[in-house]
Amino acid sequence: MAAKIKKGLREMRRSENLFCLSFLILFLVQWAIFWVYANITSLDVAFLHYDVTTDKHIFYNGAHLFDNFKRVFQDIGGASGAYVLNGVIMHLLSTIVCLPVSYMIAYILYKKLPGSGFFQTVLYLPVILSVMITVLLFKQIVEGVVQETLLADVLNLHIFMDSKYNWYPVLFYIIFFGLPGNLLINLGSMARVPKELIEYGELEGISMFREFYLVTLPMIFPVLQVQCLGLFTGFFNAKGPLFELYMDGAPENLKTFGYYMFTSVYSGNADAQGMFGYNSAANLVIGLVSIPIVQLTKMLFDKFDPGAEY
């Protein structure tokens, strides 16, 4: 009898291991194709240039081997430096607003305060609806209502194209449509805070602010750390909402480096063919620059982690 039980347990463990292994193999195959292969290919492409006469990508050789990388550094030090700065500004401003506001709203929803149901419904709409619908609604409201009825007729302003004002709709779009994603993450992390700690704080009579700062924040600090790390990795290659709002016709003062690289190959013409090597070299440079920035940021977060005391 005991031997049959042991045999049954072994077969059960074998089935569980095979089940887990099947999921692991699927993940490894996806990782090998879409990460390893794609990145190795980009290493290869970074040393290629497009020959118009033969309509082929061929390797640079000799003194021209690193020409794509030289162009990247020349561009960042020159005209494209403004694109990098635009990406940094967009990310910083959206994060400075989005993260605190998303945590505040998530805490209101978590505590089920009056009006939380209304906020939850309104803020989840951009997540529920498709990107195409949300972009069309946003452009219809801004261009069709605000722009045409108020700005163009009364103030003679064209908010989407005027370099003095076109930052405002873009930043509003980033913040409004960036909130729901952060909100879902924050609300999910708060739901995992042990109820005993919250109840103990309530028995001690601490305020909601002190409860969030002393109890909730230390428990969800790793989530905040990941969100901020994502901020630093997106400085250089972010397109923001530019492609969604403008396609490939964004005003010059709004372009980011990521948008510049994406639209440079979007057309598919001969000039675009010549940008593949440049973009691959730029992405390698961005990756090498991002690694120490992310590591330094992680070290700072680990040092000031309020949950380290627990």
Protein backbone atom coordinates (compact mmCIF):
# COMPACT_ATOMS: atom_id res chain seq x y z
CA MET A 1 0.00 0.00 0.00
CA ALA A 2 2.77 2.40 0.97
CA ALA A 3 4.64 1.58 -2.25
CA LYS A 4 1.56 2.43 -4.33
CA ILE A 5 1.17 5.76 -2.49
CA LYS A 6 4.83 6.63 -3.10
CA LYS A 7 4.49 5.67 -6.76
CA GLY A 8 1.38 7.82 -7.10
CA LEU A 9 3.13 10.78 -5.46
CA ARG A 10 6.12 10.39 -7.82
CA GLU A 11 3.83 10.34 -10.85
CA MET A 12 1.98 13.40 -9.53
CA ARG A 13 5.26 15.29 -9.02
CA ARG A 14 6.41 14.21 -12.50
CA SER A 15 3.19 15.53 -14.03
CA GLU A 16 3.54 18.82 -12.11
CA ASN A 17 7.16 19.16 -13.22
CA LEU A 18 6.24 18.50 -16.86
CA PHE A 19 3.42 21.03 -16.62
CA CYS A 20 5.77 23.70 -15.21
CA LEU A 21 8.47 22.77 -17.72
CA SER A 22 6.06 23.24 -20.64
CA PHE A 23 5.40 26.83 -19.53
CA LEU A 24 9.11 27.41 -18.96
CA ILE A 25 10.00 26.11 -22.44
CA LEU A 26 7.41 28.43 -24.02
CA PHE A 27 8.90 31.39 -22.17
CA LEU A 28 12.47 30.39 -23.11
CA VAL A 29 11.53 30.06 -26.79
CA GLN A 30 9.90 33.51 -26.77
CA TRP A 31 12.90 34.97 -24.94
CA ALA A 32 15.34 33.36 -27.37
CA ILE A 33 13.48 34.60 -30.47
CA PHE A 34 12.28 38.05 -29.44
CA TRP A 35 15.13 39.09 -27.16
CA VAL A 36 18.33 37.12 -27.81
CA TYR A 37 17.94 36.80 -31.58
CA ALA A 38 16.61 40.35 -32.00
CA ASN A 39 19.47 41.86 -29.99
CA ILE A 40 22.17 39.79 -31.69
CA THR A 41 20.74 40.84 -35.05
CA SER A 42 20.83 44.49 -33.97
CA LEU A 43 24.53 44.07 -33.13
CA ASP A 44 25.07 42.91 -36.68
CA VAL A 45 22.96 45.67 -38.26
CA ALA A 46 24.79 48.39 -36.27
CA PHE A 47 27.84 47.87 -38.50
CA LEU A 48 25.93 47.89 -41.80
CA HIS A 49 25.27 50.68 -44.26
CA TYR A 50 22.86 50.86 -47.17
CA ASP A 51 24.36 50.85 -50.66
CA VAL A 52 21.94 52.66 -53.00
CA THR A 53 23.60 51.29 -56.14
CA THR A 54 23.12 47.63 -55.16
CA ASP A 55 20.03 48.14 -52.96
CA LYS A 56 21.69 46.06 -50.22
CA HIS A 57 22.98 46.48 -46.69
CA ILE A 58 26.70 45.79 -46.57
CA PHE A 59 29.31 45.87 -43.82
CA TYR A 60 31.44 48.88 -43.17
CA ASN A 61 35.10 47.98 -43.20
CA GLY A 62 38.39 49.46 -42.08
CA ALA A 63 38.25 53.05 -40.86
CA HIS A 64 34.49 53.27 -41.52
CA LEU A 65 33.58 50.37 -39.21
CA PHE A 66 32.18 52.63 -36.45
CA ASP A 67 30.65 55.29 -38.71
CA ASN A 68 27.12 54.65 -37.45
CA PHE A 69 28.25 55.16 -33.86
CA LYS A 70 30.11 58.34 -34.80
CA ARG A 71 26.92 59.70 -36.42
CA VAL A 72 24.94 58.92 -33.26
CA PHE A 73 27.32 60.85 -31.00
CA GLN A 74 27.55 63.71 -33.50
CA ASP A 75 23.75 63.95 -33.67
CA ILE A 76 23.26 63.79 -29.90
CA GLY A 77 25.90 66.50 -29.50
CA GLY A 78 24.18 68.54 -32.21
CA ALA A 79 20.64 68.78 -33.57
CA SER A 80 19.33 65.55 -32.01
CA GLY A 81 20.40 66.70 -28.54
CA ALA A 82 17.15 68.68 -28.38
CA TYR A 83 15.23 65.45 -29.12
CA VAL A 84 16.91 63.71 -26.16
CA LEU A 85 16.11 66.68 -23.93
CA ASN A 86 12.46 66.61 -25.05
CA GLY A 87 12.21 62.93 -24.08
CA VAL A 88 13.71 63.64 -20.65
CA ILE A 89 11.33 66.57 -20.07
CA MET A 90 8.26 64.56 -21.13
CA HIS A 91 9.19 61.66 -18.89
CA LEU A 92 10.07 63.81 -15.89
CA LEU A 93 6.97 66.01 -16.05
CA SER A 94 4.61 63.11 -16.61
CA THR A 95 6.22 61.12 -13.78
CA ILE A 96 6.28 64.04 -11.35
CA VAL A 97 2.54 64.40 -11.90
CA CYS A 98 1.43 60.83 -12.68
CA LEU A 99 3.11 58.93 -9.86
CA PRO A 100 1.97 61.07 -6.88
CA VAL A 101 -1.54 61.56 -8.31
CA SER A 102 -1.91 57.85 -9.14
CA TYR A 103 -0.83 56.88 -5.62
CA MET A 104 -3.22 59.41 -4.09
CA ILE A 105 -6.19 58.22 -6.17
CA ALA A 106 -5.26 54.55 -5.66
CA TYR A 107 -5.22 55.13 -1.89
CA ILE A 108 -8.66 56.80 -2.06
CA LEU A 109 -10.01 53.81 -4.00
CA TYR A 110 -8.27 51.42 -1.63
CA LYS A 111 -9.87 53.08 1.42
CA LYS A 112 -13.25 53.20 -0.38
CA LEU A 113 -13.82 56.87 0.43
CA PRO A 114 -16.91 58.73 -0.91
CA GLY A 115 -16.67 59.24 -4.66
CA SER A 116 -14.15 56.44 -5.17
CA GLY A 117 -16.54 54.50 -7.44
CA PHE A 118 -16.92 57.49 -9.77
CA PHE A 119 -13.15 58.07 -9.95
CA GLN A 120 -12.56 54.38 -10.63
CA THR A 121 -15.05 54.30 -13.53
CA VAL A 122 -13.75 57.48 -15.17
CA LEU A 123 -10.07 56.67 -14.82
CA TYR A 124 -10.43 53.09 -16.02
CA LEU A 125 -12.08 54.13 -19.29
CA PRO A 126 -8.77 54.67 -21.19
CA VAL A 127 -7.75 51.13 -20.19
CA ILE A 128 -11.06 49.55 -21.18
CA LEU A 129 -11.33 51.35 -24.52
CA SER A 130 -8.89 50.70 -27.37
CA VAL A 131 -6.04 53.12 -28.08
CA MET A 132 -7.60 54.11 -31.40
CA ILE A 133 -10.88 55.12 -29.76
CA THR A 134 -9.21 57.08 -26.95
CA VAL A 135 -6.94 58.95 -29.36
CA LEU A 136 -9.86 59.82 -31.65
CA LEU A 137 -11.94 61.01 -28.70
CA PHE A 138 -9.07 63.08 -27.34
CA LYS A 139 -8.36 64.71 -30.71
CA GLN A 140 -12.06 65.30 -31.33
CA ILE A 141 -12.47 67.03 -27.96
CA VAL A 142 -9.31 69.13 -28.25
CA GLU A 143 -9.42 69.87 -31.98
CA GLY A 144 -13.16 69.79 -32.56
CA VAL A 145 -14.42 71.51 -29.42
CA VAL A 146 -11.68 73.39 -27.57
CA GLN A 147 -9.59 74.31 -30.59
CA GLU A 148 -12.31 75.30 -33.04
CA THR A 149 -14.80 76.96 -30.68
CA LEU A 150 -12.48 78.70 -28.26
CA LEU A 151 -8.87 78.97 -29.36
CA ALA A 152 -9.00 79.35 -33.13
CA ASP A 153 -12.03 81.64 -33.31
CA VAL A 154 -11.58 83.71 -30.16
CA LEU A 155 -7.84 83.72 -29.45
CA ASN A 156 -6.54 82.78 -32.92
CA LEU A 157 -4.42 79.96 -31.49
CA HIS A 158 -3.67 76.56 -33.05
CA ILE A 159 -2.73 74.58 -29.98
CA PHE A 160 -1.53 71.41 -31.72
CA MET A 161 0.91 73.15 -34.07
CA ASP A 162 1.85 76.41 -32.32
CA SER A 163 5.30 75.86 -30.74
CA LYS A 164 4.35 78.05 -27.77
CA TYR A 165 1.38 75.91 -26.75
CA ASN A 166 1.64 72.45 -28.35
CA TRP A 167 3.37 71.03 -25.27
CA TYR A 168 0.14 71.41 -23.24
CA PRO A 169 -2.11 68.91 -25.08
CA VAL A 170 0.78 66.43 -25.34
CA LEU A 171 1.55 66.58 -21.61
CA PHE A 172 -2.16 66.40 -20.77
CA TYR A 173 -2.47 63.32 -22.99
CA ILE A 174 0.55 61.66 -21.33
CA ILE A 175 -0.74 62.36 -17.83
CA PHE A 176 -4.40 61.47 -18.38
CA PHE A 177 -3.72 58.25 -20.28
CA GLY A 178 -0.73 57.34 -18.11
CA LEU A 179 -2.75 57.48 -14.89
CA PRO A 180 -4.89 54.34 -15.40
CA GLY A 181 -1.92 52.02 -15.89
CA ASN A 182 -0.14 53.30 -12.79
CA LEU A 183 -3.44 53.29 -10.92
CA LEU A 184 -4.04 49.59 -11.61
CA ILE A 185 -0.51 48.70 -10.51
CA ASN A 186 -0.70 50.80 -7.33
CA LEU A 187 -4.15 49.57 -6.36
CA GLY A 188 -3.08 45.97 -6.86
CA SER A 189 0.03 46.44 -4.72
CA MET A 190 -1.98 48.15 -1.93
CA ALA A 191 -4.44 45.26 -1.91
CA ARG A 192 -1.55 42.97 -0.89
CA VAL A 193 -0.72 44.98 2.25
CA PRO A 194 -1.62 42.79 5.27
CA LYS A 195 -4.95 43.86 6.74
CA GLU A 196 -3.56 43.31 10.25
CA LEU A 197 -1.11 46.19 9.82
CA ILE A 198 -3.87 48.54 8.62
CA GLU A 199 -6.16 47.53 11.49
CA TYR A 200 -3.34 48.01 14.01
CA GLY A 201 -2.73 51.52 12.69
CA GLU A 202 -6.43 52.33 12.92
CA LEU A 203 -6.52 51.08 16.53
CA GLU A 204 -3.57 53.33 17.31
CA GLY A 205 -5.56 56.24 15.93
CA ILE A 206 -3.08 57.37 13.28
CA SER A 207 -4.31 59.59 10.45
CA MET A 208 -4.73 58.40 6.87
CA PHE A 209 -1.63 60.30 5.82
CA ARG A 210 0.52 58.69 8.53
CA GLU A 211 -1.02 55.31 7.78
CA PHE A 212 0.01 55.65 4.13
CA TYR A 213 3.49 56.93 4.96
CA LEU A 214 4.28 54.57 7.86
CA VAL A 215 2.41 51.39 6.87
CA THR A 216 1.38 51.29 3.21
CA LEU A 217 4.36 52.96 1.49
CA PRO A 218 7.07 50.74 3.06
CA MET A 219 5.12 47.66 1.97
CA ILE A 220 4.68 48.80 -1.66
CA PHE A 221 8.06 50.52 -2.02
CA PRO A 222 9.44 47.84 -4.41
CA VAL A 223 6.61 48.70 -6.83
CA LEU A 224 7.55 52.39 -6.70
CA GLN A 225 11.16 51.38 -7.32
CA VAL A 226 10.26 49.46 -10.49
CA GLN A 227 8.11 52.36 -11.76
CA CYS A 228 10.99 54.80 -11.32
CA LEU A 229 13.45 52.43 -12.97
CA GLY A 230 11.09 52.31 -15.94
CA LEU A 231 11.24 56.10 -16.03
CA PHE A 232 15.02 56.17 -16.44
CA THR A 233 15.08 53.45 -19.08
CA GLY A 234 12.56 55.39 -21.18
CA PHE A 235 14.38 58.72 -21.26
CA PHE A 236 16.13 58.16 -24.57
CA ASN A 237 13.86 55.95 -26.65
CA ALA A 238 10.41 57.23 -25.69
CA LYS A 239 8.08 58.32 -28.46
CA GLY A 240 5.49 59.57 -26.01
CA PRO A 241 2.09 60.07 -27.62
CA LEU A 242 3.63 61.87 -30.61
CA PHE A 243 3.04 59.11 -33.14
CA GLU A 244 -0.51 58.58 -31.90
CA LEU A 245 -1.37 62.28 -32.14
CA TYR A 246 0.72 63.37 -35.13
CA MET A 247 1.73 60.16 -36.95
CA ASP A 248 4.99 61.14 -38.69
CA GLY A 249 4.23 64.88 -38.77
CA ALA A 250 5.00 66.05 -35.21
CA PRO A 251 6.28 69.63 -34.84
CA GLU A 252 10.05 69.94 -34.56
CA ASN A 253 9.96 71.33 -31.01
CA LEU A 254 8.12 68.23 -29.72
CA LYS A 255 10.18 65.45 -31.30
CA THR A 256 11.98 63.00 -29.03
CA PHE A 257 14.97 60.88 -29.98
CA GLY A 258 12.83 57.73 -29.95
CA TYR A 259 10.26 59.37 -32.21
CA TYR A 260 13.04 60.57 -34.53
CA MET A 261 14.46 57.04 -34.84
CA PHE A 262 11.03 55.47 -35.38
CA THR A 263 9.84 57.91 -38.02
CA SER A 264 13.22 57.81 -39.80
CA VAL A 265 12.44 54.23 -40.93
CA TYR A 266 8.66 54.60 -41.07
CA SER A 267 8.48 55.71 -44.70
CA GLY A 268 10.35 52.68 -46.09
CA ASN A 269 12.15 54.68 -48.83
CA ALA A 270 15.88 54.68 -49.62
CA ASP A 271 16.62 57.20 -46.87
CA ALA A 272 14.79 54.98 -44.40
CA GLN A 273 16.82 51.96 -45.55
CA GLY A 274 19.97 53.89 -44.71
CA MET A 275 18.75 54.52 -41.13
CA PHE A 276 18.55 50.89 -39.99
CA GLY A 277 22.25 50.71 -39.13
CA TYR A 278 22.11 54.12 -37.48
CA ASN A 279 19.11 53.15 -35.32
CA SER A 280 20.71 49.88 -34.26
CA ALA A 281 23.88 51.70 -33.24
CA ALA A 282 21.80 54.31 -31.38
CA ASN A 283 19.93 51.61 -29.46
CA LEU A 284 23.20 49.96 -28.44
CA VAL A 285 24.52 53.31 -27.19
CA ILE A 286 21.26 53.91 -25.29
CA GLY A 287 21.51 50.45 -23.71
CA LEU A 288 25.09 51.00 -22.58
CA VAL A 289 24.22 54.41 -21.12
CA SER A 290 21.07 53.13 -19.41
CA ILE A 291 22.74 50.24 -17.57
CA PRO A 292 24.84 52.35 -15.12
CA ILE A 293 21.96 54.83 -14.67
CA VAL A 294 19.56 52.04 -13.73
CA GLN A 295 22.10 50.40 -11.42
CA LEU A 296 22.83 53.69 -9.65
CA THR A 297 19.12 54.37 -9.26
CA LYS A 298 18.55 50.90 -7.83
CA MET A 299 21.38 51.39 -5.32
CA LEU A 300 19.87 54.70 -4.17
CA PHE A 301 16.42 53.13 -3.77
CA ASP A 302 17.86 50.18 -1.84
CA LYS A 303 19.68 52.60 0.47
CA PHE A 304 16.58 54.65 1.26
CA ASP A 305 14.08 51.76 1.24
CA PRO A 306 11.74 52.40 4.21
CA GLY A 307 10.80 48.74 4.24
CA ALA A 308 14.38 47.72 5.05
CA GLU A 309 13.67 48.27 8.74
CA TYR A 310 10.91 45.65 8.79
